[in-house]
Amino acid sequence: MPHYDYLCDACGYEFELFQSITAAVKRKCPKCGKLKLRRLIGPGAAIMFKGSGFYQTDYRSESYKKGAKAAKEAKEAKRKSKEKGKEKSKKKT
């Protein structure tokens, strides 16, 4: 549930109120009772990330990175050998 900051223009009373987003804006000051209360515009909510990582794939181990690199190189070598095989078959015809 969000919190809102309110300020009374009549008496200067400032307070924080937790209320639903759909709740009506308060107009009457709880301290002096006058209808001079206004809701202040706040800086917004901050997003806080805590912990050692947010996705399992963000911080892979060195052994995983080496294995992935080797697999990529093997795939590339296989693709190149296929291309060479196609070139040889074109030269024979």
C-alpha atoms as a PDB file:
ATOM      1  CA  MET A   1       0.000   0.000   0.000  1.00  0.00           C
ATOM      2  CA  PRO A   2       1.500   3.371  -0.981  1.00  0.00           C
ATOM      3  CA  HIS A   3       2.129   6.202   1.413  1.00  0.00           C
ATOM      4  CA  TYR A   4       1.401   9.843   0.692  1.00  0.00           C
ATOM      5  CA  ASP A   5       2.786  13.015   2.240  1.00  0.00           C
ATOM      6  CA  TYR A   6       0.269  15.680   3.246  1.00  0.00           C
ATOM      7  CA  LEU A   7       0.759  19.310   4.267  1.00  0.00           C
ATOM      8  CA  CYS A   8      -1.765  21.677   5.844  1.00  0.00           C
ATOM      9  CA  ASP A   9      -1.475  25.198   4.418  1.00  0.00           C
ATOM     10  CA  ALA A  10      -3.293  26.646   7.448  1.00  0.00           C
ATOM     11  CA  CYS A  11      -1.192  25.325  10.341  1.00  0.00           C
ATOM     12  CA  GLY A  12       1.873  23.830   8.569  1.00  0.00           C
ATOM     13  CA  TYR A  13       1.244  20.308   9.909  1.00  0.00           C
ATOM     14  CA  GLU A  14       2.989  17.720   7.745  1.00  0.00           C
ATOM     15  CA  PHE A  15       2.408  13.981   7.965  1.00  0.00           C
ATOM     16  CA  GLU A  16       2.584  10.721   6.072  1.00  0.00           C
ATOM     17  CA  LEU A  17      -0.510   8.608   5.416  1.00  0.00           C
ATOM     18  CA  PHE A  18      -0.776   5.036   4.154  1.00  0.00           C
ATOM     19  CA  GLN A  19      -3.824   4.687   1.949  1.00  0.00           C
ATOM     20  CA  SER A  20      -5.070   2.807  -1.073  1.00  0.00           C
ATOM     21  CA  ILE A  21      -4.415   4.164  -4.553  1.00  0.00           C
ATOM     22  CA  THR A  22      -8.162   4.371  -5.131  1.00  0.00           C
ATOM     23  CA  ALA A  23      -8.822   6.230  -1.862  1.00  0.00           C
ATOM     24  CA  ALA A  24      -9.926   9.866  -2.107  1.00  0.00           C
ATOM     25  CA  VAL A  25      -7.437  12.624  -1.349  1.00  0.00           C
ATOM     26  CA  LYS A  26      -7.804  13.904   2.243  1.00  0.00           C
ATOM     27  CA  ARG A  27      -8.850  17.557   2.542  1.00  0.00           C
ATOM     28  CA  LYS A  28      -9.406  18.087   6.278  1.00  0.00           C
ATOM     29  CA  CYS A  29      -6.356  18.571   8.513  1.00  0.00           C
ATOM     30  CA  PRO A  30      -6.341  16.147  11.485  1.00  0.00           C
ATOM     31  CA  LYS A  31      -4.589  18.753  13.677  1.00  0.00           C
ATOM     32  CA  CYS A  32      -6.473  22.034  13.077  1.00  0.00           C
ATOM     33  CA  GLY A  33      -9.613  20.705  11.324  1.00  0.00           C
ATOM     34  CA  LYS A  34      -9.469  23.191   8.427  1.00  0.00           C
ATOM     35  CA  LEU A  35      -9.966  22.180   4.796  1.00  0.00           C
ATOM     36  CA  LYS A  36      -6.506  23.389   3.773  1.00  0.00           C
ATOM     37  CA  LEU A  37      -4.805  19.991   3.466  1.00  0.00           C
ATOM     38  CA  ARG A  38      -3.015  19.106   0.257  1.00  0.00           C
ATOM     39  CA  ARG A  39      -1.164  16.028  -0.910  1.00  0.00           C
ATOM     40  CA  LEU A  40       2.470  16.599  -1.811  1.00  0.00           C
ATOM     41  CA  ILE A  41       4.130  15.143  -4.869  1.00  0.00           C
ATOM     42  CA  GLY A  42       6.816  12.750  -3.702  1.00  0.00           C
ATOM     43  CA  PRO A  43       9.966  11.519  -5.378  1.00  0.00           C
ATOM     44  CA  GLY A  44       8.371   8.158  -6.139  1.00  0.00           C
ATOM     45  CA  ALA A  45       9.274   4.694  -5.009  1.00  0.00           C
ATOM     46  CA  ALA A  46      12.821   3.473  -5.290  1.00  0.00           C
ATOM     47  CA  ILE A  47      13.626   0.031  -6.579  1.00  0.00           C
ATOM     48  CA  MET A  48      16.117  -1.783  -4.416  1.00  0.00           C
ATOM     49  CA  PHE A  49      17.981  -4.817  -5.678  1.00  0.00           C
ATOM     50  CA  LYS A  50      19.495  -6.960  -2.973  1.00  0.00           C
ATOM     51  CA  GLY A  51      21.236 -10.285  -3.079  1.00  0.00           C
ATOM     52  CA  SER A  52      23.993 -11.997  -4.988  1.00  0.00           C
ATOM     53  CA  GLY A  53      22.214 -11.998  -8.362  1.00  0.00           C
ATOM     54  CA  PHE A  54      18.843 -11.591  -9.943  1.00  0.00           C
ATOM     55  CA  TYR A  55      18.921 -14.206 -12.683  1.00  0.00           C
ATOM     56  CA  GLN A  56      20.685 -17.520 -12.567  1.00  0.00           C
ATOM     57  CA  THR A  57      22.383 -16.824 -15.891  1.00  0.00           C
ATOM     58  CA  ASP A  58      23.775 -13.400 -14.939  1.00  0.00           C
ATOM     59  CA  TYR A  59      26.832 -14.615 -13.089  1.00  0.00           C
ATOM     60  CA  ARG A  60      28.059 -17.849 -14.636  1.00  0.00           C
ATOM     61  CA  SER A  61      31.111 -19.648 -13.329  1.00  0.00           C
ATOM     62  CA  GLU A  62      34.393 -19.606 -15.234  1.00  0.00           C
ATOM     63  CA  SER A  63      34.107 -23.324 -16.036  1.00  0.00           C
ATOM     64  CA  TYR A  64      30.684 -22.740 -17.616  1.00  0.00           C
ATOM     65  CA  LYS A  65      32.051 -19.852 -19.705  1.00  0.00           C
ATOM     66  CA  LYS A  66      34.971 -21.998 -20.924  1.00  0.00           C
ATOM     67  CA  GLY A  67      32.629 -24.853 -21.849  1.00  0.00           C
ATOM     68  CA  ALA A  68      30.284 -22.508 -23.715  1.00  0.00           C
ATOM     69  CA  LYS A  69      33.211 -21.003 -25.633  1.00  0.00           C
ATOM     70  CA  ALA A  70      34.508 -24.471 -26.585  1.00  0.00           C
ATOM     71  CA  ALA A  71      31.033 -25.527 -27.757  1.00  0.00           C
ATOM     72  CA  LYS A  72      30.722 -22.382 -29.873  1.00  0.00           C
ATOM     73  CA  GLU A  73      34.140 -22.941 -31.443  1.00  0.00           C
ATOM     74  CA  ALA A  74      33.276 -26.589 -32.201  1.00  0.00           C
ATOM     75  CA  LYS A  75      30.025 -25.541 -33.849  1.00  0.00           C
ATOM     76  CA  GLU A  76      31.851 -22.938 -35.946  1.00  0.00           C
ATOM     77  CA  ALA A  77      34.498 -25.496 -37.012  1.00  0.00           C
ATOM     78  CA  LYS A  78      31.765 -27.951 -38.042  1.00  0.00           C
ATOM     79  CA  ARG A  79      30.033 -25.260 -40.095  1.00  0.00           C
ATOM     80  CA  LYS A  80      33.303 -24.380 -41.871  1.00  0.00           C
ATOM     81  CA  SER A  81      34.050 -28.021 -42.679  1.00  0.00           C
ATOM     82  CA  LYS A  82      30.554 -28.365 -44.178  1.00  0.00           C
ATOM     83  CA  GLU A  83      31.190 -25.319 -46.369  1.00  0.00           C
ATOM     84  CA  LYS A  84      34.494 -26.795 -47.559  1.00  0.00           C
ATOM     85  CA  GLY A  85      32.726 -30.046 -48.433  1.00  0.00           C
ATOM     86  CA  LYS A  86      30.207 -28.152 -50.541  1.00  0.00           C
ATOM     87  CA  GLU A  87      33.016 -26.286 -52.357  1.00  0.00           C
ATOM     88  CA  LYS A  88      34.784 -29.558 -53.197  1.00  0.00           C
ATOM     89  CA  SER A  89      31.603 -31.101 -54.587  1.00  0.00           C
ATOM     90  CA  LYS A  90      31.035 -27.997 -56.772  1.00  0.00           C
ATOM     91  CA  LYS A  91      34.592 -28.247 -58.196  1.00  0.00           C
ATOM     92  CA  LYS A  92      34.075 -31.931 -59.161  1.00  0.00           C
ATOM     93  CA  THR A  93      31.006 -31.150 -61.273  1.00  0.00           C
END
